[in-house]
Amino acid sequence: GFLNLFLAIQLYKDRIWAYFATITVMVIFIFYQVHRIIL
């Protein structure tokens, strides 16, 4: 939740680094989510 809030605010402020950070964080969470989906 805190990551979603922080990154959403940074994207809204058009911080160029936030785009890559958002993608990176989301990919990490997706790997975990896929693991949970398989289980």
PDB file of all heavy atoms in Angstrom:
ATOM      1  N   GLY A   1       0.804  -1.222   0.000  1.00  0.00           N
ATOM      2  CA  GLY A   1       0.000   0.000   0.000  1.00  0.00           C
ATOM      3  C   GLY A   1       0.832   1.265   0.000  1.00  0.00           C
ATOM      4  O   GLY A   1       0.577   2.198  -0.774  1.00  0.00           O
ATOM      5  N   PHE A   2       1.845   1.318   0.875  1.00  0.00           N
ATOM      6  CA  PHE A   2       2.704   2.506   0.918  1.00  0.00           C
ATOM      7  C   PHE A   2       3.462   2.684  -0.401  1.00  0.00           C
ATOM      8  O   PHE A   2       3.615   3.812  -0.881  1.00  0.00           O
ATOM      9  CB  PHE A   2       3.673   2.444   2.097  1.00  0.00           C
ATOM     10  CG  PHE A   2       3.069   2.841   3.403  1.00  0.00           C
ATOM     11  CD1 PHE A   2       3.089   1.976   4.493  1.00  0.00           C
ATOM     12  CD2 PHE A   2       2.465   4.079   3.572  1.00  0.00           C
ATOM     13  CE1 PHE A   2       2.521   2.347   5.712  1.00  0.00           C
ATOM     14  CE2 PHE A   2       1.896   4.463   4.785  1.00  0.00           C
ATOM     15  CZ  PHE A   2       1.923   3.583   5.851  1.00  0.00           C
ATOM     16  N   LEU A   3       3.920   1.584  -0.991  1.00  0.00           N
ATOM     17  CA  LEU A   3       4.597   1.677  -2.291  1.00  0.00           C
ATOM     18  C   LEU A   3       3.637   2.189  -3.364  1.00  0.00           C
ATOM     19  O   LEU A   3       4.010   3.042  -4.182  1.00  0.00           O
ATOM     20  CB  LEU A   3       5.192   0.326  -2.696  1.00  0.00           C
ATOM     21  CG  LEU A   3       6.484  -0.054  -1.998  1.00  0.00           C
ATOM     22  CD1 LEU A   3       6.858  -1.507  -2.291  1.00  0.00           C
ATOM     23  CD2 LEU A   3       7.618   0.877  -2.419  1.00  0.00           C
ATOM     24  N   ASN A   4       2.403   1.671  -3.381  1.00  0.00           N
ATOM     25  CA  ASN A   4       1.413   2.159  -4.346  1.00  0.00           C
ATOM     26  C   ASN A   4       1.166   3.656  -4.176  1.00  0.00           C
ATOM     27  O   ASN A   4       1.133   4.398  -5.166  1.00  0.00           O
ATOM     28  CB  ASN A   4       0.084   1.409  -4.190  1.00  0.00           C
ATOM     29  CG  ASN A   4       0.012   0.162  -5.036  1.00  0.00           C
ATOM     30  OD1 ASN A   4       0.710   0.020  -6.017  1.00  0.00           O
ATOM     31  ND2 ASN A   4      -0.853  -0.750  -4.645  1.00  0.00           N
ATOM     32  N   LEU A   5       0.995   4.099  -2.944  1.00  0.00           N
ATOM     33  CA  LEU A   5       0.768   5.529  -2.688  1.00  0.00           C
ATOM     34  C   LEU A   5       1.950   6.373  -3.148  1.00  0.00           C
ATOM     35  O   LEU A   5       1.791   7.355  -3.886  1.00  0.00           O
ATOM     36  CB  LEU A   5       0.533   5.769  -1.198  1.00  0.00           C
ATOM     37  CG  LEU A   5      -0.815   5.377  -0.634  1.00  0.00           C
ATOM     38  CD1 LEU A   5      -0.806   5.495   0.890  1.00  0.00           C
ATOM     39  CD2 LEU A   5      -1.896   6.272  -1.210  1.00  0.00           C
ATOM     40  N   PHE A   6       3.133   5.995  -2.704  1.00  0.00           N
ATOM     41  CA  PHE A   6       4.335   6.756  -3.020  1.00  0.00           C
ATOM     42  C   PHE A   6       4.567   6.827  -4.530  1.00  0.00           C
ATOM     43  O   PHE A   6       4.784   7.910  -5.088  1.00  0.00           O
ATOM     44  CB  PHE A   6       5.548   6.129  -2.324  1.00  0.00           C
ATOM     45  CG  PHE A   6       6.846   6.782  -2.676  1.00  0.00           C
ATOM     46  CD1 PHE A   6       7.164   8.037  -2.179  1.00  0.00           C
ATOM     47  CD2 PHE A   6       7.752   6.155  -3.521  1.00  0.00           C
ATOM     48  CE1 PHE A   6       8.364   8.648  -2.516  1.00  0.00           C
ATOM     49  CE2 PHE A   6       8.944   6.758  -3.856  1.00  0.00           C
ATOM     50  CZ  PHE A   6       9.255   8.005  -3.355  1.00  0.00           C
ATOM     51  N   LEU A   7       4.490   5.668  -5.195  1.00  0.00           N
ATOM     52  CA  LEU A   7       4.769   5.651  -6.633  1.00  0.00           C
ATOM     53  C   LEU A   7       3.673   6.348  -7.437  1.00  0.00           C
ATOM     54  O   LEU A   7       3.970   7.028  -8.424  1.00  0.00           O
ATOM     55  CB  LEU A   7       4.993   4.218  -7.114  1.00  0.00           C
ATOM     56  CG  LEU A   7       6.278   3.584  -6.586  1.00  0.00           C
ATOM     57  CD1 LEU A   7       6.325   2.096  -6.909  1.00  0.00           C
ATOM     58  CD2 LEU A   7       7.514   4.298  -7.131  1.00  0.00           C
ATOM     59  N   ALA A   8       2.420   6.215  -7.030  1.00  0.00           N
ATOM     60  CA  ALA A   8       1.339   6.913  -7.732  1.00  0.00           C
ATOM     61  C   ALA A   8       1.544   8.430  -7.653  1.00  0.00           C
ATOM     62  O   ALA A   8       1.377   9.141  -8.644  1.00  0.00           O
ATOM     63  CB  ALA A   8      -0.022   6.519  -7.151  1.00  0.00           C
ATOM     64  N   ILE A   9       1.922   8.915  -6.482  1.00  0.00           N
ATOM     65  CA  ILE A   9       2.172  10.355  -6.319  1.00  0.00           C
ATOM     66  C   ILE A   9       3.350  10.794  -7.186  1.00  0.00           C
ATOM     67  O   ILE A   9       3.289  11.841  -7.841  1.00  0.00           O
ATOM     68  CB  ILE A   9       2.401  10.694  -4.830  1.00  0.00           C
ATOM     69  CG1 ILE A   9       1.096  10.539  -4.047  1.00  0.00           C
ATOM     70  CG2 ILE A   9       2.973  12.107  -4.662  1.00  0.00           C
ATOM     71  CD1 ILE A   9       1.259  10.540  -2.537  1.00  0.00           C
ATOM     72  N   GLN A  10       4.408   9.996  -7.214  1.00  0.00           N
ATOM     73  CA  GLN A  10       5.578  10.352  -8.012  1.00  0.00           C
ATOM     74  C   GLN A  10       5.275  10.322  -9.516  1.00  0.00           C
ATOM     75  O   GLN A  10       5.762  11.160 -10.265  1.00  0.00           O
ATOM     76  CB  GLN A  10       6.759   9.433  -7.678  1.00  0.00           C
ATOM     77  CG  GLN A  10       7.204   9.490  -6.227  1.00  0.00           C
ATOM     78  CD  GLN A  10       7.372  10.906  -5.714  1.00  0.00           C
ATOM     79  OE1 GLN A  10       8.037  11.733  -6.306  1.00  0.00           O
ATOM     80  NE2 GLN A  10       6.743  11.189  -4.573  1.00  0.00           N
ATOM     81  N   LEU A  11       4.456   9.353  -9.942  1.00  0.00           N
ATOM     82  CA  LEU A  11       4.049   9.317 -11.350  1.00  0.00           C
ATOM     83  C   LEU A  11       3.198  10.534 -11.683  1.00  0.00           C
ATOM     84  O   LEU A  11       3.357  11.143 -12.740  1.00  0.00           O
ATOM     85  CB  LEU A  11       3.276   8.034 -11.659  1.00  0.00           C
ATOM     86  CG  LEU A  11       4.088   6.753 -11.730  1.00  0.00           C
ATOM     87  CD1 LEU A  11       3.167   5.547 -11.848  1.00  0.00           C
ATOM     88  CD2 LEU A  11       5.083   6.782 -12.872  1.00  0.00           C
ATOM     89  N   TYR A  12       2.291  10.883 -10.782  1.00  0.00           N
ATOM     90  CA  TYR A  12       1.448  12.051 -11.007  1.00  0.00           C
ATOM     91  C   TYR A  12       2.296  13.326 -11.133  1.00  0.00           C
ATOM     92  O   TYR A  12       1.986  14.214 -11.929  1.00  0.00           O
ATOM     93  CB  TYR A  12       0.417  12.192  -9.889  1.00  0.00           C
ATOM     94  CG  TYR A  12      -0.512  13.341 -10.116  1.00  0.00           C
ATOM     95  CD1 TYR A  12      -1.542  13.251 -11.051  1.00  0.00           C
ATOM     96  CD2 TYR A  12      -0.347  14.541  -9.424  1.00  0.00           C
ATOM     97  CE1 TYR A  12      -2.384  14.324 -11.281  1.00  0.00           C
ATOM     98  CE2 TYR A  12      -1.187  15.611  -9.647  1.00  0.00           C
ATOM     99  CZ  TYR A  12      -2.193  15.497 -10.573  1.00  0.00           C
ATOM    100  OH  TYR A  12      -3.025  16.566 -10.812  1.00  0.00           O
ATOM    101  N   LYS A  13       3.372  13.393 -10.351  1.00  0.00           N
ATOM    102  CA  LYS A  13       4.280  14.544 -10.410  1.00  0.00           C
ATOM    103  C   LYS A  13       5.225  14.458 -11.605  1.00  0.00           C
ATOM    104  O   LYS A  13       6.063  15.345 -11.787  1.00  0.00           O
ATOM    105  CB  LYS A  13       5.101  14.630  -9.119  1.00  0.00           C
ATOM    106  CG  LYS A  13       4.289  15.020  -7.914  1.00  0.00           C
ATOM    107  CD  LYS A  13       5.174  15.102  -6.676  1.00  0.00           C
ATOM    108  CE  LYS A  13       4.423  15.588  -5.478  1.00  0.00           C
ATOM    109  NZ  LYS A  13       5.289  15.697  -4.291  1.00  0.00           N
ATOM    110  N   ASP A  14       5.088  13.395 -12.398  1.00  0.00           N
ATOM    111  CA  ASP A  14       5.877  13.193 -13.618  1.00  0.00           C
ATOM    112  C   ASP A  14       7.375  13.087 -13.341  1.00  0.00           C
ATOM    113  O   ASP A  14       8.200  13.602 -14.086  1.00  0.00           O
ATOM    114  CB  ASP A  14       5.594  14.295 -14.633  1.00  0.00           C
ATOM    115  CG  ASP A  14       6.036  13.906 -16.037  1.00  0.00           C
ATOM    116  OD1 ASP A  14       6.115  12.698 -16.334  1.00  0.00           O
ATOM    117  OD2 ASP A  14       6.314  14.824 -16.841  1.00  0.00           O
ATOM    118  N   ARG A  15       7.718  12.428 -12.263  1.00  0.00           N
ATOM    119  CA  ARG A  15       9.120  12.170 -11.950  1.00  0.00           C
ATOM    120  C   ARG A  15       9.586  11.027 -12.853  1.00  0.00           C
ATOM    121  O   ARG A  15       9.087   9.909 -12.744  1.00  0.00           O
ATOM    122  CB  ARG A  15       9.299  11.788 -10.487  1.00  0.00           C
ATOM    123  CG  ARG A  15       8.732  12.789  -9.518  1.00  0.00           C
ATOM    124  CD  ARG A  15       9.722  13.942  -9.324  1.00  0.00           C
ATOM    125  NE  ARG A  15       9.152  15.118  -8.732  1.00  0.00           N
ATOM    126  CZ  ARG A  15       8.916  15.314  -7.447  1.00  0.00           C
ATOM    127  NH1 ARG A  15       9.169  14.369  -6.575  1.00  0.00           N
ATOM    128  NH2 ARG A  15       8.414  16.452  -7.026  1.00  0.00           N
ATOM    129  N   ILE A  16      10.519  11.289 -13.726  1.00  0.00           N
ATOM    130  CA  ILE A  16      10.921  10.322 -14.744  1.00  0.00           C
ATOM    131  C   ILE A  16      11.454   9.033 -14.113  1.00  0.00           C
ATOM    132  O   ILE A  16      11.203   7.950 -14.617  1.00  0.00           O
ATOM    133  CB  ILE A  16      11.930  10.953 -15.748  1.00  0.00           C
ATOM    134  CG1 ILE A  16      11.985  10.148 -17.034  1.00  0.00           C
ATOM    135  CG2 ILE A  16      13.277  11.125 -15.142  1.00  0.00           C
ATOM    136  CD1 ILE A  16      10.810  10.339 -17.936  1.00  0.00           C
ATOM    137  N   TRP A  17      12.144   9.122 -12.972  1.00  0.00           N
ATOM    138  CA  TRP A  17      12.663   7.929 -12.304  1.00  0.00           C
ATOM    139  C   TRP A  17      11.537   7.041 -11.764  1.00  0.00           C
ATOM    140  O   TRP A  17      11.694   5.832 -11.601  1.00  0.00           O
ATOM    141  CB  TRP A  17      13.613   8.301 -11.160  1.00  0.00           C
ATOM    142  CG  TRP A  17      12.965   9.132 -10.090  1.00  0.00           C
ATOM    143  CD1 TRP A  17      12.962  10.488 -10.003  1.00  0.00           C
ATOM    144  CD2 TRP A  17      12.176   8.660  -8.987  1.00  0.00           C
ATOM    145  NE1 TRP A  17      12.232  10.893  -8.907  1.00  0.00           N
ATOM    146  CE2 TRP A  17      11.738   9.787  -8.264  1.00  0.00           C
ATOM    147  CE3 TRP A  17      11.811   7.392  -8.532  1.00  0.00           C
ATOM    148  CZ2 TRP A  17      10.957   9.685  -7.129  1.00  0.00           C
ATOM    149  CZ3 TRP A  17      11.024   7.302  -7.396  1.00  0.00           C
ATOM    150  CH2 TRP A  17      10.610   8.437  -6.703  1.00  0.00           C
ATOM    151  N   ALA A  18      10.371   7.636 -11.504  1.00  0.00           N
ATOM    152  CA  ALA A  18       9.259   6.888 -10.921  1.00  0.00           C
ATOM    153  C   ALA A  18       8.671   5.877 -11.904  1.00  0.00           C
ATOM    154  O   ALA A  18       8.125   4.861 -11.485  1.00  0.00           O
ATOM    155  CB  ALA A  18       8.172   7.838 -10.439  1.00  0.00           C
ATOM    156  N   TYR A  19       8.797   6.146 -13.188  1.00  0.00           N
ATOM    157  CA  TYR A  19       8.282   5.198 -14.179  1.00  0.00           C
ATOM    158  C   TYR A  19       9.047   3.872 -14.068  1.00  0.00           C
ATOM    159  O   TYR A  19       8.443   2.804 -13.970  1.00  0.00           O
ATOM    160  CB  TYR A  19       8.413   5.767 -15.594  1.00  0.00           C
ATOM    161  CG  TYR A  19       7.517   6.950 -15.838  1.00  0.00           C
ATOM    162  CD1 TYR A  19       7.929   8.248 -15.534  1.00  0.00           C
ATOM    163  CD2 TYR A  19       6.243   6.777 -16.372  1.00  0.00           C
ATOM    164  CE1 TYR A  19       7.102   9.334 -15.758  1.00  0.00           C
ATOM    165  CE2 TYR A  19       5.407   7.855 -16.599  1.00  0.00           C
ATOM    166  CZ  TYR A  19       5.847   9.136 -16.288  1.00  0.00           C
ATOM    167  OH  TYR A  19       5.021  10.203 -16.511  1.00  0.00           O
ATOM    168  N   PHE A  20      10.361   3.951 -14.098  1.00  0.00           N
ATOM    169  CA  PHE A  20      11.177   2.740 -13.999  1.00  0.00           C
ATOM    170  C   PHE A  20      11.026   2.086 -12.631  1.00  0.00           C
ATOM    171  O   PHE A  20      10.929   0.856 -12.521  1.00  0.00           O
ATOM    172  CB  PHE A  20      12.652   3.061 -14.286  1.00  0.00           C
ATOM    173  CG  PHE A  20      13.510   1.840 -14.346  1.00  0.00           C
ATOM    174  CD1 PHE A  20      13.436   0.969 -15.418  1.00  0.00           C
ATOM    175  CD2 PHE A  20      14.381   1.547 -13.308  1.00  0.00           C
ATOM    176  CE1 PHE A  20      14.209  -0.179 -15.459  1.00  0.00           C
ATOM    177  CE2 PHE A  20      15.162   0.409 -13.344  1.00  0.00           C
ATOM    178  CZ  PHE A  20      15.083  -0.457 -14.428  1.00  0.00           C
ATOM    179  N   ALA A  21      10.967   2.888 -11.577  1.00  0.00           N
ATOM    180  CA  ALA A  21      10.791   2.335 -10.228  1.00  0.00           C
ATOM    181  C   ALA A  21       9.453   1.609 -10.109  1.00  0.00           C
ATOM    182  O   ALA A  21       9.374   0.525  -9.522  1.00  0.00           O
ATOM    183  CB  ALA A  21      10.885   3.455  -9.184  1.00  0.00           C
ATOM    184  N   THR A  22       8.404   2.184 -10.673  1.00  0.00           N
ATOM    185  CA  THR A  22       7.082   1.557 -10.639  1.00  0.00           C
ATOM    186  C   THR A  22       7.109   0.217 -11.355  1.00  0.00           C
ATOM    187  O   THR A  22       6.596  -0.784 -10.843  1.00  0.00           O
ATOM    188  CB  THR A  22       6.032   2.483 -11.280  1.00  0.00           C
ATOM    189  OG1 THR A  22       5.970   3.699 -10.527  1.00  0.00           O
ATOM    190  CG2 THR A  22       4.664   1.828 -11.333  1.00  0.00           C
ATOM    191  N   ILE A  23       7.695   0.198 -12.536  1.00  0.00           N
ATOM    192  CA  ILE A  23       7.780  -1.050 -13.300  1.00  0.00           C
ATOM    193  C   ILE A  23       8.558  -2.099 -12.515  1.00  0.00           C
ATOM    194  O   ILE A  23       8.123  -3.253 -12.402  1.00  0.00           O
ATOM    195  CB  ILE A  23       8.418  -0.786 -14.684  1.00  0.00           C
ATOM    196  CG1 ILE A  23       7.465   0.050 -15.546  1.00  0.00           C
ATOM    197  CG2 ILE A  23       8.786  -2.100 -15.368  1.00  0.00           C
ATOM    198  CD1 ILE A  23       8.098   0.625 -16.797  1.00  0.00           C
ATOM    199  N   THR A  24       9.679  -1.713 -11.938  1.00  0.00           N
ATOM    200  CA  THR A  24      10.507  -2.651 -11.180  1.00  0.00           C
ATOM    201  C   THR A  24       9.754  -3.221  -9.984  1.00  0.00           C
ATOM    202  O   THR A  24       9.721  -4.439  -9.772  1.00  0.00           O
ATOM    203  CB  THR A  24      11.802  -1.960 -10.707  1.00  0.00           C
ATOM    204  OG1 THR A  24      12.497  -1.451 -11.855  1.00  0.00           O
ATOM    205  CG2 THR A  24      12.693  -2.917  -9.939  1.00  0.00           C
ATOM    206  N   VAL A  25       9.142  -2.356  -9.202  1.00  0.00           N
ATOM    207  CA  VAL A  25       8.397  -2.794  -8.014  1.00  0.00           C
ATOM    208  C   VAL A  25       7.242  -3.704  -8.421  1.00  0.00           C
ATOM    209  O   VAL A  25       7.005  -4.759  -7.806  1.00  0.00           O
ATOM    210  CB  VAL A  25       7.908  -1.580  -7.196  1.00  0.00           C
ATOM    211  CG1 VAL A  25       6.879  -1.983  -6.160  1.00  0.00           C
ATOM    212  CG2 VAL A  25       9.082  -0.874  -6.554  1.00  0.00           C
ATOM    213  N   MET A  26       6.519  -3.320  -9.465  1.00  0.00           N
ATOM    214  CA  MET A  26       5.373  -4.121  -9.888  1.00  0.00           C
ATOM    215  C   MET A  26       5.801  -5.495 -10.401  1.00  0.00           C
ATOM    216  O   MET A  26       5.114  -6.490 -10.154  1.00  0.00           O
ATOM    217  CB  MET A  26       4.560  -3.362 -10.932  1.00  0.00           C
ATOM    218  CG  MET A  26       3.822  -2.185 -10.334  1.00  0.00           C
ATOM    219  SD  MET A  26       2.785  -1.313 -11.507  1.00  0.00           S
ATOM    220  CE  MET A  26       1.489  -2.516 -11.714  1.00  0.00           C
ATOM    221  N   VAL A  27       6.916  -5.566 -11.111  1.00  0.00           N
ATOM    222  CA  VAL A  27       7.408  -6.861 -11.598  1.00  0.00           C
ATOM    223  C   VAL A  27       7.756  -7.767 -10.418  1.00  0.00           C
ATOM    224  O   VAL A  27       7.420  -8.961 -10.415  1.00  0.00           O
ATOM    225  CB  VAL A  27       8.616  -6.681 -12.552  1.00  0.00           C
ATOM    226  CG1 VAL A  27       9.349  -7.993 -12.770  1.00  0.00           C
ATOM    227  CG2 VAL A  27       8.157  -6.099 -13.879  1.00  0.00           C
ATOM    228  N   ILE A  28       8.377  -7.212  -9.405  1.00  0.00           N
ATOM    229  CA  ILE A  28       8.708  -8.002  -8.207  1.00  0.00           C
ATOM    230  C   ILE A  28       7.431  -8.541  -7.565  1.00  0.00           C
ATOM    231  O   ILE A  28       7.347  -9.737  -7.241  1.00  0.00           O
ATOM    232  CB  ILE A  28       9.530  -7.161  -7.210  1.00  0.00           C
ATOM    233  CG1 ILE A  28      10.921  -6.886  -7.781  1.00  0.00           C
ATOM    234  CG2 ILE A  28       9.624  -7.860  -5.853  1.00  0.00           C
ATOM    235  CD1 ILE A  28      11.708  -5.822  -7.039  1.00  0.00           C
ATOM    236  N   PHE A  29       6.431  -7.693  -7.391  1.00  0.00           N
ATOM    237  CA  PHE A  29       5.174  -8.146  -6.793  1.00  0.00           C
ATOM    238  C   PHE A  29       4.458  -9.152  -7.705  1.00  0.00           C
ATOM    239  O   PHE A  29       3.823 -10.086  -7.221  1.00  0.00           O
ATOM    240  CB  PHE A  29       4.262  -6.967  -6.456  1.00  0.00           C
ATOM    241  CG  PHE A  29       4.585  -6.339  -5.135  1.00  0.00           C
ATOM    242  CD1 PHE A  29       5.174  -5.088  -5.078  1.00  0.00           C
ATOM    243  CD2 PHE A  29       4.315  -6.994  -3.944  1.00  0.00           C
ATOM    244  CE1 PHE A  29       5.484  -4.503  -3.857  1.00  0.00           C
ATOM    245  CE2 PHE A  29       4.613  -6.420  -2.709  1.00  0.00           C
ATOM    246  CZ  PHE A  29       5.210  -5.176  -2.675  1.00  0.00           C
ATOM    247  N   ILE A  30       4.549  -8.970  -9.017  1.00  0.00           N
ATOM    248  CA  ILE A  30       3.910  -9.920  -9.939  1.00  0.00           C
ATOM    249  C   ILE A  30       4.536 -11.302  -9.803  1.00  0.00           C
ATOM    250  O   ILE A  30       3.819 -12.312  -9.822  1.00  0.00           O
ATOM    251  CB  ILE A  30       3.959  -9.403 -11.392  1.00  0.00           C
ATOM    252  CG1 ILE A  30       2.910  -8.295 -11.559  1.00  0.00           C
ATOM    253  CG2 ILE A  30       3.708 -10.533 -12.388  1.00  0.00           C
ATOM    254  CD1 ILE A  30       2.954  -7.598 -12.900  1.00  0.00           C
ATOM    255  N   PHE A  31       5.856 -11.374  -9.666  1.00  0.00           N
ATOM    256  CA  PHE A  31       6.490 -12.682  -9.469  1.00  0.00           C
ATOM    257  C   PHE A  31       5.927 -13.361  -8.224  1.00  0.00           C
ATOM    258  O   PHE A  31       5.623 -14.558  -8.241  1.00  0.00           O
ATOM    259  CB  PHE A  31       8.016 -12.560  -9.363  1.00  0.00           C
ATOM    260  CG  PHE A  31       8.699 -12.510 -10.691  1.00  0.00           C
ATOM    261  CD1 PHE A  31       9.465 -11.405 -11.040  1.00  0.00           C
ATOM    262  CD2 PHE A  31       8.595 -13.551 -11.586  1.00  0.00           C
ATOM    263  CE1 PHE A  31      10.099 -11.350 -12.265  1.00  0.00           C
ATOM    264  CE2 PHE A  31       9.222 -13.515 -12.823  1.00  0.00           C
ATOM    265  CZ  PHE A  31       9.979 -12.412 -13.158  1.00  0.00           C
ATOM    266  N   TYR A  32       5.768 -12.603  -7.152  1.00  0.00           N
ATOM    267  CA  TYR A  32       5.211 -13.177  -5.929  1.00  0.00           C
ATOM    268  C   TYR A  32       3.746 -13.574  -6.142  1.00  0.00           C
ATOM    269  O   TYR A  32       3.303 -14.635  -5.702  1.00  0.00           O
ATOM    270  CB  TYR A  32       5.332 -12.194  -4.758  1.00  0.00           C
ATOM    271  CG  TYR A  32       4.778 -12.762  -3.480  1.00  0.00           C
ATOM    272  CD1 TYR A  32       5.449 -13.784  -2.810  1.00  0.00           C
ATOM    273  CD2 TYR A  32       3.576 -12.315  -2.960  1.00  0.00           C
ATOM    274  CE1 TYR A  32       4.936 -14.332  -1.645  1.00  0.00           C
ATOM    275  CE2 TYR A  32       3.058 -12.854  -1.799  1.00  0.00           C
ATOM    276  CZ  TYR A  32       3.746 -13.862  -1.152  1.00  0.00           C
ATOM    277  OH  TYR A  32       3.220 -14.413  -0.012  1.00  0.00           O
ATOM    278  N   GLN A  33       2.982 -12.721  -6.826  1.00  0.00           N
ATOM    279  CA  GLN A  33       1.578 -13.021  -7.092  1.00  0.00           C
ATOM    280  C   GLN A  33       1.435 -14.286  -7.934  1.00  0.00           C
ATOM    281  O   GLN A  33       0.555 -15.114  -7.660  1.00  0.00           O
ATOM    282  CB  GLN A  33       0.909 -11.824  -7.790  1.00  0.00           C
ATOM    283  CG  GLN A  33       0.719 -10.639  -6.886  1.00  0.00           C
ATOM    284  CD  GLN A  33       0.359  -9.347  -7.610  1.00  0.00           C
ATOM    285  OE1 GLN A  33       0.560  -8.295  -7.069  1.00  0.00           O
ATOM    286  NE2 GLN A  33      -0.144  -9.399  -8.819  1.00  0.00           N
ATOM    287  N   VAL A  34       2.280 -14.450  -8.947  1.00  0.00           N
ATOM    288  CA  VAL A  34       2.225 -15.656  -9.777  1.00  0.00           C
ATOM    289  C   VAL A  34       2.532 -16.881  -8.926  1.00  0.00           C
ATOM    290  O   VAL A  34       1.873 -17.924  -9.058  1.00  0.00           O
ATOM    291  CB  VAL A  34       3.179 -15.545 -10.991  1.00  0.00           C
ATOM    292  CG1 VAL A  34       3.357 -16.888 -11.683  1.00  0.00           C
ATOM    293  CG2 VAL A  34       2.663 -14.488 -11.971  1.00  0.00           C
ATOM    294  N   HIS A  35       3.492 -16.770  -8.041  1.00  0.00           N
ATOM    295  CA  HIS A  35       3.808 -17.862  -7.115  1.00  0.00           C
ATOM    296  C   HIS A  35       2.568 -18.217  -6.291  1.00  0.00           C
ATOM    297  O   HIS A  35       2.225 -19.400  -6.149  1.00  0.00           O
ATOM    298  CB  HIS A  35       4.973 -17.448  -6.209  1.00  0.00           C
ATOM    299  CG  HIS A  35       5.211 -18.355  -5.058  1.00  0.00           C
ATOM    300  ND1 HIS A  35       5.742 -19.617  -5.199  1.00  0.00           N
ATOM    301  CD2 HIS A  35       4.968 -18.186  -3.744  1.00  0.00           C
ATOM    302  CE1 HIS A  35       5.813 -20.188  -4.005  1.00  0.00           C
ATOM    303  NE2 HIS A  35       5.352 -19.337  -3.100  1.00  0.00           N
ATOM    304  N   ARG A  36       1.871 -17.201  -5.775  1.00  0.00           N
ATOM    305  CA  ARG A  36       0.672 -17.443  -4.978  1.00  0.00           C
ATOM    306  C   ARG A  36      -0.457 -18.026  -5.838  1.00  0.00           C
ATOM    307  O   ARG A  36      -1.217 -18.876  -5.375  1.00  0.00           O
ATOM    308  CB  ARG A  36       0.189 -16.146  -4.315  1.00  0.00           C
ATOM    309  CG  ARG A  36       1.168 -15.503  -3.368  1.00  0.00           C
ATOM    310  CD  ARG A  36       1.445 -16.326  -2.156  1.00  0.00           C
ATOM    311  NE  ARG A  36       0.225 -16.558  -1.403  1.00  0.00           N
ATOM    312  CZ  ARG A  36       0.139 -17.314  -0.328  1.00  0.00           C
ATOM    313  NH1 ARG A  36       1.190 -17.928   0.129  1.00  0.00           N
ATOM    314  NH2 ARG A  36      -1.003 -17.465   0.290  1.00  0.00           N
ATOM    315  N   ILE A  37      -0.567 -17.583  -7.088  1.00  0.00           N
ATOM    316  CA  ILE A  37      -1.591 -18.118  -7.992  1.00  0.00           C
ATOM    317  C   ILE A  37      -1.338 -19.604  -8.243  1.00  0.00           C
ATOM    318  O   ILE A  37      -2.279 -20.411  -8.223  1.00  0.00           O
ATOM    319  CB  ILE A  37      -1.613 -17.328  -9.324  1.00  0.00           C
ATOM    320  CG1 ILE A  37      -2.176 -15.923  -9.089  1.00  0.00           C
ATOM    321  CG2 ILE A  37      -2.432 -18.068 -10.382  1.00  0.00           C
ATOM    322  CD1 ILE A  37      -1.956 -14.967 -10.252  1.00  0.00           C
ATOM    323  N   ILE A  38      -0.094 -19.974  -8.464  1.00  0.00           N
ATOM    324  CA  ILE A  38       0.246 -21.380  -8.700  1.00  0.00           C
ATOM    325  C   ILE A  38      -0.118 -22.226  -7.487  1.00  0.00           C
ATOM    326  O   ILE A  38      -0.653 -23.327  -7.619  1.00  0.00           O
ATOM    327  CB  ILE A  38       1.739 -21.526  -9.060  1.00  0.00           C
ATOM    328  CG1 ILE A  38       1.994 -20.912 -10.440  1.00  0.00           C
ATOM    329  CG2 ILE A  38       2.184 -22.986  -9.012  1.00  0.00           C
ATOM    330  CD1 ILE A  38       3.457 -20.753 -10.785  1.00  0.00           C
ATOM    331  N   LEU A  39       0.121 -21.697  -6.298  1.00  0.00           N
ATOM    332  CA  LEU A  39      -0.171 -22.457  -5.080  1.00  0.00           C
ATOM    333  C   LEU A  39      -1.659 -22.499  -4.745  1.00  0.00           C
ATOM    334  O   LEU A  39      -2.164 -23.520  -4.277  1.00  0.00           O
ATOM    335  CB  LEU A  39       0.586 -21.854  -3.891  1.00  0.00           C
ATOM    336  CG  LEU A  39       2.102 -21.990  -3.896  1.00  0.00           C
ATOM    337  CD1 LEU A  39       2.691 -21.268  -2.684  1.00  0.00           C
ATOM    338  CD2 LEU A  39       2.511 -23.456  -3.887  1.00  0.00           C
TER     339      LEU A  39
END
